[in-house]
Amino acid sequence: MKVVVELTYRAVPPESEFELIREAGQQLSNRPASVVVNLVETEDLPVIVLEFLMKTQAQYKVVSEVSDEVQRWLNGPLNDISIQFS
């Protein structure tokens, strides 16, 4: 299943934060090569989008795991986090 995690920051995070987010995605993914990290600059706050594939599971069983793992790797303060599955 495809997982998209949107991390909203208060300010543009340093480049090193991108690599930490990529590592978090690789820990969660069953296909580490599928991990993609992009910065989306909006009018309001910067958003880093982490996309990866993981084994299909009940979403309610993995949403906390995904959230906890991603936040464990972060250095910068988050404004918001959203997780989507498809």
N, C-alpha and C. Protein backbone atom coordinates (compact mmCIF):
# COMPACT_ATOMS: atom_id res chain seq x y z
N MET A 1 0.85 -1.16 0.00
CA MET A 1 0.00 0.00 0.00
C MET A 1 0.89 1.23 0.00
N LYS A 2 0.41 2.28 -0.63
CA LYS A 2 1.17 3.53 -0.69
C LYS A 2 0.81 4.38 0.52
N VAL A 3 1.84 4.96 1.13
CA VAL A 3 1.66 5.83 2.29
C VAL A 3 2.23 7.20 1.93
N VAL A 4 1.46 8.24 2.23
CA VAL A 4 1.90 9.61 2.01
C VAL A 4 1.81 10.33 3.36
N VAL A 5 2.95 10.84 3.81
CA VAL A 5 3.00 11.56 5.08
C VAL A 5 3.36 13.01 4.76
N GLU A 6 2.49 13.92 5.18
CA GLU A 6 2.75 15.35 4.98
C GLU A 6 3.14 15.96 6.32
N LEU A 7 4.33 16.53 6.35
CA LEU A 7 4.88 17.14 7.56
C LEU A 7 4.92 18.65 7.37
N THR A 8 4.12 19.37 8.11
CA THR A 8 4.07 20.82 8.00
C THR A 8 4.98 21.43 9.06
N TYR A 9 5.92 22.26 8.60
CA TYR A 9 6.89 22.90 9.48
C TYR A 9 6.55 24.37 9.66
N ARG A 10 7.10 24.94 10.72
CA ARG A 10 6.92 26.38 10.97
C ARG A 10 7.86 27.21 10.09
N ALA A 11 8.97 26.62 9.70
CA ALA A 11 9.95 27.26 8.82
C ALA A 11 10.59 26.16 7.97
N VAL A 12 11.22 26.54 6.87
CA VAL A 12 11.87 25.55 6.01
C VAL A 12 12.95 24.85 6.82
N PRO A 13 12.86 23.51 6.92
CA PRO A 13 13.84 22.78 7.72
C PRO A 13 15.19 22.68 6.99
N PRO A 14 16.26 22.42 7.75
CA PRO A 14 17.58 22.27 7.11
C PRO A 14 17.62 21.02 6.23
N GLU A 15 18.56 21.02 5.32
CA GLU A 15 18.72 19.90 4.39
C GLU A 15 18.89 18.56 5.11
N SER A 16 19.53 18.58 6.26
CA SER A 16 19.76 17.34 7.01
C SER A 16 18.45 16.69 7.45
N GLU A 17 17.40 17.48 7.62
CA GLU A 17 16.09 16.95 8.02
C GLU A 17 15.51 16.04 6.93
N PHE A 18 15.79 16.37 5.67
CA PHE A 18 15.28 15.57 4.56
C PHE A 18 15.84 14.15 4.61
N GLU A 19 17.13 14.04 4.92
CA GLU A 19 17.75 12.71 4.99
C GLU A 19 17.19 11.92 6.16
N LEU A 20 16.93 12.56 7.28
CA LEU A 20 16.33 11.87 8.42
C LEU A 20 14.93 11.35 8.07
N ILE A 21 14.18 12.15 7.36
CA ILE A 21 12.83 11.74 6.94
C ILE A 21 12.92 10.56 5.98
N ARG A 22 13.88 10.61 5.07
CA ARG A 22 14.09 9.49 4.13
C ARG A 22 14.42 8.21 4.91
N GLU A 23 15.27 8.31 5.91
CA GLU A 23 15.63 7.14 6.72
C GLU A 23 14.42 6.59 7.46
N ALA A 24 13.57 7.46 7.96
CA ALA A 24 12.35 7.00 8.63
C ALA A 24 11.48 6.22 7.65
N GLY A 25 11.32 6.74 6.44
CA GLY A 25 10.54 6.05 5.41
C GLY A 25 11.14 4.69 5.07
N GLN A 26 12.46 4.62 5.01
CA GLN A 26 13.11 3.35 4.69
C GLN A 26 12.90 2.32 5.80
N GLN A 27 12.81 2.78 7.05
CA GLN A 27 12.54 1.86 8.15
C GLN A 27 11.12 1.29 8.07
N LEU A 28 10.20 2.08 7.58
CA LEU A 28 8.79 1.66 7.52
C LEU A 28 8.45 0.89 6.24
N SER A 29 9.21 1.10 5.20
CA SER A 29 8.88 0.56 3.89
C SER A 29 9.32 -0.89 3.72
N ASN A 30 8.52 -1.63 2.94
CA ASN A 30 8.94 -2.97 2.55
C ASN A 30 9.74 -2.90 1.24
N ARG A 31 9.83 -1.72 0.64
CA ARG A 31 10.64 -1.48 -0.56
C ARG A 31 11.38 -0.15 -0.38
N PRO A 32 12.53 -0.17 0.27
CA PRO A 32 13.25 1.07 0.55
C PRO A 32 13.51 1.95 -0.67
N ALA A 33 13.62 1.34 -1.85
CA ALA A 33 13.85 2.13 -3.06
C ALA A 33 12.62 2.97 -3.43
N SER A 34 11.47 2.66 -2.84
CA SER A 34 10.24 3.41 -3.15
C SER A 34 10.13 4.73 -2.39
N VAL A 35 11.04 4.98 -1.46
CA VAL A 35 10.94 6.17 -0.61
C VAL A 35 11.29 7.43 -1.39
N VAL A 36 10.38 8.41 -1.33
CA VAL A 36 10.57 9.70 -2.00
C VAL A 36 10.27 10.80 -0.99
N VAL A 37 11.13 11.82 -0.95
CA VAL A 37 10.93 12.97 -0.07
C VAL A 37 10.98 14.23 -0.92
N ASN A 38 9.95 15.07 -0.78
CA ASN A 38 9.88 16.33 -1.53
C ASN A 38 9.47 17.47 -0.63
N LEU A 39 9.97 18.66 -0.94
CA LEU A 39 9.56 19.87 -0.26
C LEU A 39 8.51 20.56 -1.11
N VAL A 40 7.38 20.90 -0.51
CA VAL A 40 6.32 21.64 -1.20
C VAL A 40 6.21 22.99 -0.48
N GLU A 41 6.55 24.04 -1.18
CA GLU A 41 6.46 25.37 -0.57
C GLU A 41 5.09 25.94 -0.87
N THR A 42 4.32 26.14 0.19
CA THR A 42 2.99 26.69 0.07
C THR A 42 3.04 28.17 0.46
N GLU A 43 1.91 28.85 0.32
CA GLU A 43 1.86 30.26 0.72
C GLU A 43 1.96 30.41 2.22
N ASP A 44 1.53 29.40 2.95
CA ASP A 44 1.52 29.48 4.41
C ASP A 44 2.81 28.92 5.00
N LEU A 45 2.87 27.61 5.13
CA LEU A 45 3.99 26.94 5.79
C LEU A 45 4.60 25.89 4.86
N PRO A 46 5.90 25.63 4.99
CA PRO A 46 6.53 24.59 4.17
C PRO A 46 6.05 23.20 4.58
N VAL A 47 5.90 22.34 3.58
CA VAL A 47 5.45 20.97 3.80
C VAL A 47 6.45 20.02 3.17
N ILE A 48 6.90 19.04 3.95
CA ILE A 48 7.72 17.97 3.40
C ILE A 48 6.80 16.77 3.21
N VAL A 49 6.83 16.21 2.01
CA VAL A 49 5.99 15.06 1.69
C VAL A 49 6.89 13.83 1.59
N LEU A 50 6.58 12.84 2.40
CA LEU A 50 7.27 11.55 2.41
C LEU A 50 6.33 10.52 1.81
N GLU A 51 6.76 9.83 0.77
CA GLU A 51 5.96 8.77 0.14
C GLU A 51 6.75 7.48 0.15
N PHE A 52 6.06 6.38 0.44
CA PHE A 52 6.73 5.08 0.41
C PHE A 52 5.67 3.98 0.32
N LEU A 53 6.13 2.79 0.00
CA LEU A 53 5.26 1.61 -0.05
C LEU A 53 5.52 0.76 1.18
N MET A 54 4.45 0.20 1.71
CA MET A 54 4.59 -0.75 2.81
C MET A 54 3.58 -1.87 2.62
N LYS A 55 3.82 -2.97 3.31
CA LYS A 55 2.93 -4.12 3.22
C LYS A 55 1.50 -3.67 3.56
N THR A 56 0.54 -4.14 2.79
CA THR A 56 -0.86 -3.79 3.03
C THR A 56 -1.32 -4.35 4.38
N GLN A 57 -1.82 -3.45 5.20
CA GLN A 57 -2.30 -3.79 6.53
C GLN A 57 -3.51 -2.90 6.83
N ALA A 58 -4.22 -3.24 7.88
CA ALA A 58 -5.31 -2.38 8.32
C ALA A 58 -4.72 -1.03 8.72
N GLN A 59 -5.27 0.04 8.17
CA GLN A 59 -4.71 1.36 8.41
C GLN A 59 -4.73 1.73 9.88
N TYR A 60 -5.79 1.38 10.58
CA TYR A 60 -5.88 1.73 12.00
C TYR A 60 -4.79 1.04 12.81
N LYS A 61 -4.23 -0.05 12.30
CA LYS A 61 -3.18 -0.76 13.02
C LYS A 61 -1.80 -0.12 12.81
N VAL A 62 -1.62 0.60 11.71
CA VAL A 62 -0.28 1.13 11.40
C VAL A 62 -0.17 2.65 11.49
N VAL A 63 -1.28 3.36 11.62
CA VAL A 63 -1.18 4.82 11.62
C VAL A 63 -0.33 5.33 12.77
N SER A 64 -0.46 4.78 13.95
CA SER A 64 0.38 5.20 15.08
C SER A 64 1.84 4.83 14.86
N GLU A 65 2.07 3.65 14.30
CA GLU A 65 3.44 3.21 14.02
C GLU A 65 4.11 4.17 13.04
N VAL A 66 3.40 4.54 11.98
CA VAL A 66 3.95 5.47 10.99
C VAL A 66 4.23 6.82 11.64
N SER A 67 3.26 7.36 12.35
CA SER A 67 3.42 8.66 13.00
C SER A 67 4.59 8.65 14.00
N ASP A 68 4.63 7.66 14.85
CA ASP A 68 5.68 7.58 15.87
C ASP A 68 7.07 7.44 15.25
N GLU A 69 7.19 6.59 14.23
CA GLU A 69 8.49 6.36 13.61
C GLU A 69 8.99 7.62 12.92
N VAL A 70 8.13 8.29 12.18
CA VAL A 70 8.54 9.51 11.48
C VAL A 70 8.94 10.58 12.49
N GLN A 71 8.13 10.79 13.51
CA GLN A 71 8.43 11.84 14.48
C GLN A 71 9.67 11.53 15.32
N ARG A 72 9.96 10.25 15.49
CA ARG A 72 11.15 9.86 16.25
C ARG A 72 12.43 10.32 15.56
N TRP A 73 12.41 10.39 14.23
CA TRP A 73 13.60 10.76 13.46
C TRP A 73 13.80 12.27 13.33
N LEU A 74 12.78 13.06 13.62
CA LEU A 74 12.83 14.49 13.33
C LEU A 74 13.60 15.29 14.36
N ASN A 75 14.21 16.38 13.86
CA ASN A 75 14.90 17.33 14.73
C ASN A 75 14.09 18.61 14.88
N GLY A 76 13.46 19.04 13.80
CA GLY A 76 12.75 20.31 13.80
C GLY A 76 11.35 20.22 14.37
N PRO A 77 10.82 21.35 14.83
CA PRO A 77 9.47 21.37 15.37
C PRO A 77 8.42 21.31 14.25
N LEU A 78 7.49 20.41 14.41
CA LEU A 78 6.41 20.27 13.42
C LEU A 78 5.23 21.14 13.81
N ASN A 79 4.54 21.62 12.80
CA ASN A 79 3.30 22.32 13.02
C ASN A 79 2.13 21.33 12.93
N ASP A 80 2.26 20.35 12.00
CA ASP A 80 1.19 19.37 11.80
C ASP A 80 1.75 18.17 11.04
N ILE A 81 1.06 17.05 11.17
CA ILE A 81 1.40 15.83 10.42
C ILE A 81 0.10 15.22 9.94
N SER A 82 0.08 14.78 8.67
CA SER A 82 -1.08 14.04 8.17
C SER A 82 -0.58 12.81 7.44
N ILE A 83 -1.36 11.74 7.54
CA ILE A 83 -0.98 10.46 6.93
C ILE A 83 -2.13 9.97 6.09
N GLN A 84 -1.82 9.60 4.83
CA GLN A 84 -2.82 9.10 3.90
C GLN A 84 -2.38 7.74 3.38
N PHE A 85 -3.33 6.87 3.16
CA PHE A 85 -3.07 5.54 2.64
C PHE A 85 -3.86 5.34 1.35
N SER A 86 -3.26 4.61 0.41
CA SER A 86 -4.00 4.26 -0.81
C SER A 86 -3.50 2.93 -1.35
